Amino acid sequence: MPARIEPSRPLTHLRALRERAGLSQDELALRVMISQPKLSRLERGYLQATPQECERLAHELGVTVVALGARVDGAEAKGARG
């Protein structure tokens, strides 16, 4: 059964991971195809990311979806790296 990503809580580590990667909000937003204001709201916990956004963010930051702070149901998260 494929994993299901539940972005039911803020992506608690998103800002720290972005900064560790040396990316500005503008750069990361462009790479994951979302607006910079939306990325800012995701980082502050005002919005929840879609499962697809979680996967793209994790891919660009070189982390698993779980490392972002999203909950993953199932044994493997598609597109998540560990």
PDB file of N, CA and C in Angstrom:
ATOM      1  N   MET A   1       0.838  -1.174   0.000  1.00  0.00           N
ATOM      2  CA  MET A   1       0.000   0.000   0.000  1.00  0.00           C
ATOM      3  C   MET A   1       0.889   1.247   0.000  1.00  0.00           C
ATOM      4  N   PRO A   2       0.682   2.177  -0.908  1.00  0.00           N
ATOM      5  CA  PRO A   2       1.534   3.368  -0.966  1.00  0.00           C
ATOM      6  C   PRO A   2       1.331   4.258   0.253  1.00  0.00           C
ATOM      7  N   ALA A   3       2.366   4.988   0.569  1.00  0.00           N
ATOM      8  CA  ALA A   3       2.312   5.902   1.709  1.00  0.00           C
ATOM      9  C   ALA A   3       1.382   7.065   1.396  1.00  0.00           C
ATOM     10  N   ARG A   4       0.810   7.612   2.436  1.00  0.00           N
ATOM     11  CA  ARG A   4      -0.038   8.781   2.286  1.00  0.00           C
ATOM     12  C   ARG A   4       0.559   9.890   3.142  1.00  0.00           C
ATOM     13  N   ILE A   5       0.815  11.024   2.532  1.00  0.00           N
ATOM     14  CA  ILE A   5       1.393  12.155   3.257  1.00  0.00           C
ATOM     15  C   ILE A   5       0.254  12.980   3.829  1.00  0.00           C
ATOM     16  N   GLU A   6       0.314  13.213   5.114  1.00  0.00           N
ATOM     17  CA  GLU A   6      -0.700  13.984   5.811  1.00  0.00           C
ATOM     18  C   GLU A   6      -0.077  15.285   6.319  1.00  0.00           C
ATOM     19  N   PRO A   7      -0.145  16.360   5.540  1.00  0.00           N
ATOM     20  CA  PRO A   7       0.427  17.619   6.023  1.00  0.00           C
ATOM     21  C   PRO A   7      -0.523  18.284   7.010  1.00  0.00           C
ATOM     22  N   SER A   8      -0.862  17.548   8.084  1.00  0.00           N
ATOM     23  CA  SER A   8      -1.875  17.997   9.028  1.00  0.00           C
ATOM     24  C   SER A   8      -1.302  18.887  10.124  1.00  0.00           C
ATOM     25  N   ARG A   9      -0.028  19.125  10.081  1.00  0.00           N
ATOM     26  CA  ARG A   9       0.578  20.028  11.061  1.00  0.00           C
ATOM     27  C   ARG A   9       1.597  20.889  10.328  1.00  0.00           C
ATOM     28  N   PRO A  10       1.989  21.970  10.946  1.00  0.00           N
ATOM     29  CA  PRO A  10       2.961  22.849  10.267  1.00  0.00           C
ATOM     30  C   PRO A  10       4.245  22.098   9.916  1.00  0.00           C
ATOM     31  N   LEU A  11       4.870  22.550   8.848  1.00  0.00           N
ATOM     32  CA  LEU A  11       6.161  21.981   8.444  1.00  0.00           C
ATOM     33  C   LEU A  11       7.220  22.612   9.335  1.00  0.00           C
ATOM     34  N   THR A  12       7.342  22.081  10.544  1.00  0.00           N
ATOM     35  CA  THR A  12       8.083  22.708  11.626  1.00  0.00           C
ATOM     36  C   THR A  12       9.548  22.967  11.331  1.00  0.00           C
ATOM     37  N   HIS A  13      10.137  22.204  10.437  1.00  0.00           N
ATOM     38  CA  HIS A  13      11.569  22.338  10.186  1.00  0.00           C
ATOM     39  C   HIS A  13      11.884  23.006   8.856  1.00  0.00           C
ATOM     40  N   LEU A  14      10.858  23.471   8.171  1.00  0.00           N
ATOM     41  CA  LEU A  14      11.050  23.987   6.816  1.00  0.00           C
ATOM     42  C   LEU A  14      12.029  25.147   6.766  1.00  0.00           C
ATOM     43  N   ARG A  15      11.869  26.130   7.603  1.00  0.00           N
ATOM     44  CA  ARG A  15      12.751  27.307   7.556  1.00  0.00           C
ATOM     45  C   ARG A  15      14.204  26.922   7.842  1.00  0.00           C
ATOM     46  N   ALA A  16      14.404  26.128   8.887  1.00  0.00           N
ATOM     47  CA  ALA A  16      15.768  25.732   9.240  1.00  0.00           C
ATOM     48  C   ALA A  16      16.421  24.931   8.115  1.00  0.00           C
ATOM     49  N   LEU A  17      15.658  24.046   7.490  1.00  0.00           N
ATOM     50  CA  LEU A  17      16.195  23.250   6.382  1.00  0.00           C
ATOM     51  C   LEU A  17      16.514  24.123   5.177  1.00  0.00           C
ATOM     52  N   ARG A  18      15.647  25.091   4.903  1.00  0.00           N
ATOM     53  CA  ARG A  18      15.907  26.015   3.787  1.00  0.00           C
ATOM     54  C   ARG A  18      17.172  26.815   4.047  1.00  0.00           C
ATOM     55  N   GLU A  19      17.302  27.340   5.258  1.00  0.00           N
ATOM     56  CA  GLU A  19      18.492  28.130   5.588  1.00  0.00           C
ATOM     57  C   GLU A  19      19.751  27.272   5.550  1.00  0.00           C
ATOM     58  N   ARG A  20      19.645  26.035   6.026  1.00  0.00           N
ATOM     59  CA  ARG A  20      20.798  25.126   5.991  1.00  0.00           C
ATOM     60  C   ARG A  20      21.228  24.849   4.556  1.00  0.00           C
ATOM     61  N   ALA A  21      20.262  24.803   3.652  1.00  0.00           N
ATOM     62  CA  ALA A  21      20.565  24.577   2.238  1.00  0.00           C
ATOM     63  C   ALA A  21      21.095  25.832   1.557  1.00  0.00           C
ATOM     64  N   GLY A  22      21.089  26.951   2.268  1.00  0.00           N
ATOM     65  CA  GLY A  22      21.605  28.192   1.705  1.00  0.00           C
ATOM     66  C   GLY A  22      20.680  28.817   0.672  1.00  0.00           C
ATOM     67  N   LEU A  23      19.395  28.561   0.779  1.00  0.00           N
ATOM     68  CA  LEU A  23      18.427  29.079  -0.181  1.00  0.00           C
ATOM     69  C   LEU A  23      17.599  30.200   0.418  1.00  0.00           C
ATOM     70  N   SER A  24      17.306  31.189  -0.396  1.00  0.00           N
ATOM     71  CA  SER A  24      16.367  32.229   0.022  1.00  0.00           C
ATOM     72  C   SER A  24      14.951  31.692  -0.189  1.00  0.00           C
ATOM     73  N   GLN A  25      13.982  32.377   0.385  1.00  0.00           N
ATOM     74  CA  GLN A  25      12.593  31.991   0.136  1.00  0.00           C
ATOM     75  C   GLN A  25      12.271  32.089  -1.349  1.00  0.00           C
ATOM     76  N   ASP A  26      12.746  33.132  -1.991  1.00  0.00           N
ATOM     77  CA  ASP A  26      12.496  33.289  -3.431  1.00  0.00           C
ATOM     78  C   ASP A  26      13.042  32.110  -4.230  1.00  0.00           C
ATOM     79  N   GLU A  27      14.282  31.685  -3.918  1.00  0.00           N
ATOM     80  CA  GLU A  27      14.900  30.587  -4.660  1.00  0.00           C
ATOM     81  C   GLU A  27      14.145  29.276  -4.465  1.00  0.00           C
ATOM     82  N   LEU A  28      13.812  28.959  -3.218  1.00  0.00           N
ATOM     83  CA  LEU A  28      13.115  27.706  -2.950  1.00  0.00           C
ATOM     84  C   LEU A  28      11.707  27.727  -3.544  1.00  0.00           C
ATOM     85  N   ALA A  29      11.022  28.843  -3.412  1.00  0.00           N
ATOM     86  CA  ALA A  29       9.672  28.951  -3.965  1.00  0.00           C
ATOM     87  C   ALA A  29       9.690  28.710  -5.476  1.00  0.00           C
ATOM     88  N   LEU A  30      10.653  29.290  -6.150  1.00  0.00           N
ATOM     89  CA  LEU A  30      10.771  29.103  -7.595  1.00  0.00           C
ATOM     90  C   LEU A  30      11.006  27.636  -7.934  1.00  0.00           C
ATOM     91  N   ARG A  31      11.872  26.983  -7.183  1.00  0.00           N
ATOM     92  CA  ARG A  31      12.203  25.578  -7.451  1.00  0.00           C
ATOM     93  C   ARG A  31      11.025  24.637  -7.234  1.00  0.00           C
ATOM     94  N   VAL A  32      10.166  24.958  -6.258  1.00  0.00           N
ATOM     95  CA  VAL A  32       9.043  24.054  -5.958  1.00  0.00           C
ATOM     96  C   VAL A  32       7.723  24.552  -6.549  1.00  0.00           C
ATOM     97  N   MET A  33       7.812  25.615  -7.345  1.00  0.00           N
ATOM     98  CA  MET A  33       6.659  26.126  -8.086  1.00  0.00           C
ATOM     99  C   MET A  33       5.516  26.614  -7.197  1.00  0.00           C
ATOM    100  N   ILE A  34       5.881  27.371  -6.155  1.00  0.00           N
ATOM    101  CA  ILE A  34       4.884  28.053  -5.337  1.00  0.00           C
ATOM    102  C   ILE A  34       5.333  29.501  -5.201  1.00  0.00           C
ATOM    103  N   SER A  35       4.454  30.354  -4.740  1.00  0.00           N
ATOM    104  CA  SER A  35       4.828  31.755  -4.581  1.00  0.00           C
ATOM    105  C   SER A  35       5.655  31.946  -3.308  1.00  0.00           C
ATOM    106  N   GLN A  36       6.466  32.991  -3.288  1.00  0.00           N
ATOM    107  CA  GLN A  36       7.254  33.299  -2.095  1.00  0.00           C
ATOM    108  C   GLN A  36       6.349  33.611  -0.901  1.00  0.00           C
ATOM    109  N   PRO A  37       5.247  34.366  -1.071  1.00  0.00           N
ATOM    110  CA  PRO A  37       4.367  34.589   0.078  1.00  0.00           C
ATOM    111  C   PRO A  37       3.784  33.278   0.640  1.00  0.00           C
ATOM    112  N   LYS A  38       3.466  32.338  -0.241  1.00  0.00           N
ATOM    113  CA  LYS A  38       2.952  31.058   0.250  1.00  0.00           C
ATOM    114  C   LYS A  38       4.033  30.319   1.030  1.00  0.00           C
ATOM    115  N   LEU A  39       5.262  30.315   0.531  1.00  0.00           N
ATOM    116  CA  LEU A  39       6.353  29.665   1.252  1.00  0.00           C
ATOM    117  C   LEU A  39       6.541  30.299   2.620  1.00  0.00           C
ATOM    118  N   SER A  40       6.471  31.607   2.686  1.00  0.00           N
ATOM    119  CA  SER A  40       6.591  32.298   3.964  1.00  0.00           C
ATOM    120  C   SER A  40       5.496  31.852   4.934  1.00  0.00           C
ATOM    121  N   ARG A  41       4.265  31.748   4.438  1.00  0.00           N
ATOM    122  CA  ARG A  41       3.156  31.309   5.294  1.00  0.00           C
ATOM    123  C   ARG A  41       3.322  29.850   5.711  1.00  0.00           C
ATOM    124  N   LEU A  42       3.862  29.008   4.836  1.00  0.00           N
ATOM    125  CA  LEU A  42       4.142  27.621   5.206  1.00  0.00           C
ATOM    126  C   LEU A  42       5.178  27.562   6.327  1.00  0.00           C
ATOM    127  N   GLU A  43       6.231  28.364   6.189  1.00  0.00           N
ATOM    128  CA  GLU A  43       7.291  28.377   7.212  1.00  0.00           C
ATOM    129  C   GLU A  43       6.769  28.842   8.561  1.00  0.00           C
ATOM    130  N   ARG A  44       5.833  29.760   8.551  1.00  0.00           N
ATOM    131  CA  ARG A  44       5.295  30.302   9.810  1.00  0.00           C
ATOM    132  C   ARG A  44       4.118  29.494  10.351  1.00  0.00           C
ATOM    133  N   GLY A  45       3.706  28.466   9.605  1.00  0.00           N
ATOM    134  CA  GLY A  45       2.625  27.612  10.083  1.00  0.00           C
ATOM    135  C   GLY A  45       1.236  28.155   9.846  1.00  0.00           C
ATOM    136  N   TYR A  46       1.113  29.160   8.992  1.00  0.00           N
ATOM    137  CA  TYR A  46      -0.200  29.737   8.700  1.00  0.00           C
ATOM    138  C   TYR A  46      -0.955  28.966   7.631  1.00  0.00           C
ATOM    139  N   LEU A  47      -0.251  28.154   6.858  1.00  0.00           N
ATOM    140  CA  LEU A  47      -0.848  27.328   5.811  1.00  0.00           C
ATOM    141  C   LEU A  47      -0.320  25.908   5.940  1.00  0.00           C
ATOM    142  N   GLN A  48      -1.074  24.972   5.373  1.00  0.00           N
ATOM    143  CA  GLN A  48      -0.616  23.596   5.283  1.00  0.00           C
ATOM    144  C   GLN A  48      -0.272  23.301   3.830  1.00  0.00           C
ATOM    145  N   ALA A  49       0.834  22.636   3.625  1.00  0.00           N
ATOM    146  CA  ALA A  49       1.260  22.258   2.267  1.00  0.00           C
ATOM    147  C   ALA A  49       0.453  21.067   1.779  1.00  0.00           C
ATOM    148  N   THR A  50       0.286  21.001   0.477  1.00  0.00           N
ATOM    149  CA  THR A  50      -0.334  19.810  -0.117  1.00  0.00           C
ATOM    150  C   THR A  50       0.683  18.674  -0.087  1.00  0.00           C
ATOM    151  N   PRO A  51       0.227  17.436  -0.243  1.00  0.00           N
ATOM    152  CA  PRO A  51       1.178  16.325  -0.312  1.00  0.00           C
ATOM    153  C   PRO A  51       2.203  16.514  -1.429  1.00  0.00           C
ATOM    154  N   GLN A  52       1.763  17.034  -2.571  1.00  0.00           N
ATOM    155  CA  GLN A  52       2.691  17.258  -3.687  1.00  0.00           C
ATOM    156  C   GLN A  52       3.727  18.327  -3.330  1.00  0.00           C
ATOM    157  N   GLU A  53       3.300  19.374  -2.655  1.00  0.00           N
ATOM    158  CA  GLU A  53       4.247  20.415  -2.231  1.00  0.00           C
ATOM    159  C   GLU A  53       5.242  19.861  -1.229  1.00  0.00           C
ATOM    160  N   CYS A  54       4.775  19.016  -0.316  1.00  0.00           N
ATOM    161  CA  CYS A  54       5.684  18.384   0.654  1.00  0.00           C
ATOM    162  C   CYS A  54       6.756  17.575  -0.070  1.00  0.00           C
ATOM    163  N   GLU A  55       6.341  16.810  -1.070  1.00  0.00           N
ATOM    164  CA  GLU A  55       7.301  16.000  -1.821  1.00  0.00           C
ATOM    165  C   GLU A  55       8.307  16.873  -2.558  1.00  0.00           C
ATOM    166  N   ARG A  56       7.831  17.947  -3.197  1.00  0.00           N
ATOM    167  CA  ARG A  56       8.750  18.829  -3.931  1.00  0.00           C
ATOM    168  C   ARG A  56       9.696  19.548  -2.977  1.00  0.00           C
ATOM    169  N   LEU A  57       9.198  20.009  -1.844  1.00  0.00           N
ATOM    170  CA  LEU A  57      10.055  20.676  -0.863  1.00  0.00           C
ATOM    171  C   LEU A  57      11.133  19.720  -0.357  1.00  0.00           C
ATOM    172  N   ALA A  58      10.720  18.513   0.005  1.00  0.00           N
ATOM    173  CA  ALA A  58      11.683  17.526   0.506  1.00  0.00           C
ATOM    174  C   ALA A  58      12.745  17.230  -0.547  1.00  0.00           C
ATOM    175  N   HIS A  59      12.316  17.065  -1.788  1.00  0.00           N
ATOM    176  CA  HIS A  59      13.261  16.777  -2.873  1.00  0.00           C
ATOM    177  C   HIS A  59      14.279  17.909  -3.021  1.00  0.00           C
ATOM    178  N   GLU A  60      13.812  19.130  -3.072  1.00  0.00           N
ATOM    179  CA  GLU A  60      14.722  20.271  -3.262  1.00  0.00           C
ATOM    180  C   GLU A  60      15.654  20.479  -2.079  1.00  0.00           C
ATOM    181  N   LEU A  61      15.201  20.121  -0.883  1.00  0.00           N
ATOM    182  CA  LEU A  61      16.026  20.303   0.312  1.00  0.00           C
ATOM    183  C   LEU A  61      16.870  19.072   0.622  1.00  0.00           C
ATOM    184  N   GLY A  62      16.672  17.996  -0.145  1.00  0.00           N
ATOM    185  CA  GLY A  62      17.473  16.788   0.048  1.00  0.00           C
ATOM    186  C   GLY A  62      17.180  16.051   1.338  1.00  0.00           C
ATOM    187  N   VAL A  63      15.915  16.084   1.763  1.00  0.00           N
ATOM    188  CA  VAL A  63      15.521  15.427   3.005  1.00  0.00           C
ATOM    189  C   VAL A  63      14.270  14.584   2.753  1.00  0.00           C
ATOM    190  N   THR A  64      13.855  13.848   3.771  1.00  0.00           N
ATOM    191  CA  THR A  64      12.601  13.108   3.682  1.00  0.00           C
ATOM    192  C   THR A  64      11.442  14.053   3.981  1.00  0.00           C
ATOM    193  N   VAL A  65      10.274  13.633   3.570  1.00  0.00           N
ATOM    194  CA  VAL A  65       9.072  14.399   3.883  1.00  0.00           C
ATOM    195  C   VAL A  65       8.895  14.486   5.394  1.00  0.00           C
ATOM    196  N   VAL A  66       9.221  13.416   6.082  1.00  0.00           N
ATOM    197  CA  VAL A  66       9.101  13.394   7.542  1.00  0.00           C
ATOM    198  C   VAL A  66      10.009  14.454   8.176  1.00  0.00           C
ATOM    199  N   ALA A  67      11.189  14.660   7.604  1.00  0.00           N
ATOM    200  CA  ALA A  67      12.115  15.653   8.149  1.00  0.00           C
ATOM    201  C   ALA A  67      11.550  17.068   8.090  1.00  0.00           C
ATOM    202  N   LEU A  68      10.626  17.303   7.166  1.00  0.00           N
ATOM    203  CA  LEU A  68       9.975  18.618   7.093  1.00  0.00           C
ATOM    204  C   LEU A  68       9.034  18.841   8.263  1.00  0.00           C
ATOM    205  N   GLY A  69       8.545  17.756   8.836  1.00  0.00           N
ATOM    206  CA  GLY A  69       7.567  17.852   9.907  1.00  0.00           C
ATOM    207  C   GLY A  69       6.220  17.293   9.515  1.00  0.00           C
ATOM    208  N   ALA A  70       6.061  16.862   8.250  1.00  0.00           N
ATOM    209  CA  ALA A  70       4.801  16.272   7.805  1.00  0.00           C
ATOM    210  C   ALA A  70       4.705  14.841   8.314  1.00  0.00           C
ATOM    211  N   ARG A  71       3.500  14.384   8.518  1.00  0.00           N
ATOM    212  CA  ARG A  71       3.273  13.005   8.950  1.00  0.00           C
ATOM    213  C   ARG A  71       3.065  12.145   7.714  1.00  0.00           C
ATOM    214  N   VAL A  72       3.699  10.969   7.702  1.00  0.00           N
ATOM    215  CA  VAL A  72       3.557  10.042   6.586  1.00  0.00           C
ATOM    216  C   VAL A  72       2.956   8.753   7.117  1.00  0.00           C
ATOM    217  N   ASP A  73       1.834   8.338   6.531  1.00  0.00           N
ATOM    218  CA  ASP A  73       1.217   7.065   6.872  1.00  0.00           C
ATOM    219  C   ASP A  73       1.649   6.032   5.843  1.00  0.00           C
ATOM    220  N   GLY A  74       2.163   4.896   6.278  1.00  0.00           N
ATOM    221  CA  GLY A  74       2.600   3.849   5.358  1.00  0.00           C
ATOM    222  C   GLY A  74       4.085   3.604   5.495  1.00  0.00           C
ATOM    223  N   ALA A  75       4.542   2.539   4.891  1.00  0.00           N
ATOM    224  CA  ALA A  75       5.936   2.126   5.043  1.00  0.00           C
ATOM    225  C   ALA A  75       6.910   2.984   4.277  1.00  0.00           C
ATOM    226  N   GLU A  76       6.518   3.470   3.107  1.00  0.00           N
ATOM    227  CA  GLU A  76       7.443   4.258   2.283  1.00  0.00           C
ATOM    228  C   GLU A  76       6.743   5.499   1.784  1.00  0.00           C
ATOM    229  N   ALA A  77       7.450   6.589   1.735  1.00  0.00           N
ATOM    230  CA  ALA A  77       6.904   7.826   1.181  1.00  0.00           C
ATOM    231  C   ALA A  77       7.434   8.011  -0.226  1.00  0.00           C
ATOM    232  N   LYS A  78       6.544   8.065  -1.188  1.00  0.00           N
ATOM    233  CA  LYS A  78       6.959   8.244  -2.563  1.00  0.00           C
ATOM    234  C   LYS A  78       7.719   9.560  -2.702  1.00  0.00           C
ATOM    235  N   GLY A  79       8.895   9.496  -3.249  1.00  0.00           N
ATOM    236  CA  GLY A  79       9.681  10.682  -3.466  1.00  0.00           C
ATOM    237  C   GLY A  79      10.464  11.140  -2.249  1.00  0.00           C
ATOM    238  N   ALA A  80      10.274  10.511  -1.111  1.00  0.00           N
ATOM    239  CA  ALA A  80      11.015  10.905   0.092  1.00  0.00           C
ATOM    240  C   ALA A  80      12.321  10.133   0.144  1.00  0.00           C
ATOM    241  N   ARG A  81      13.349  10.819   0.555  1.00  0.00           N
ATOM    242  CA  ARG A  81      14.656  10.178   0.653  1.00  0.00           C
ATOM    243  C   ARG A  81      15.045  10.082   2.109  1.00  0.00           C
ATOM    244  N   GLY A  82      15.776   9.048   2.461  1.00  0.00           N
ATOM    245  CA  GLY A  82      16.173   8.876   3.847  1.00  0.00           C
ATOM    246  C   GLY A  82      17.581   8.607   3.936  1.00  0.00           C
TER     247      GLY A  82
END
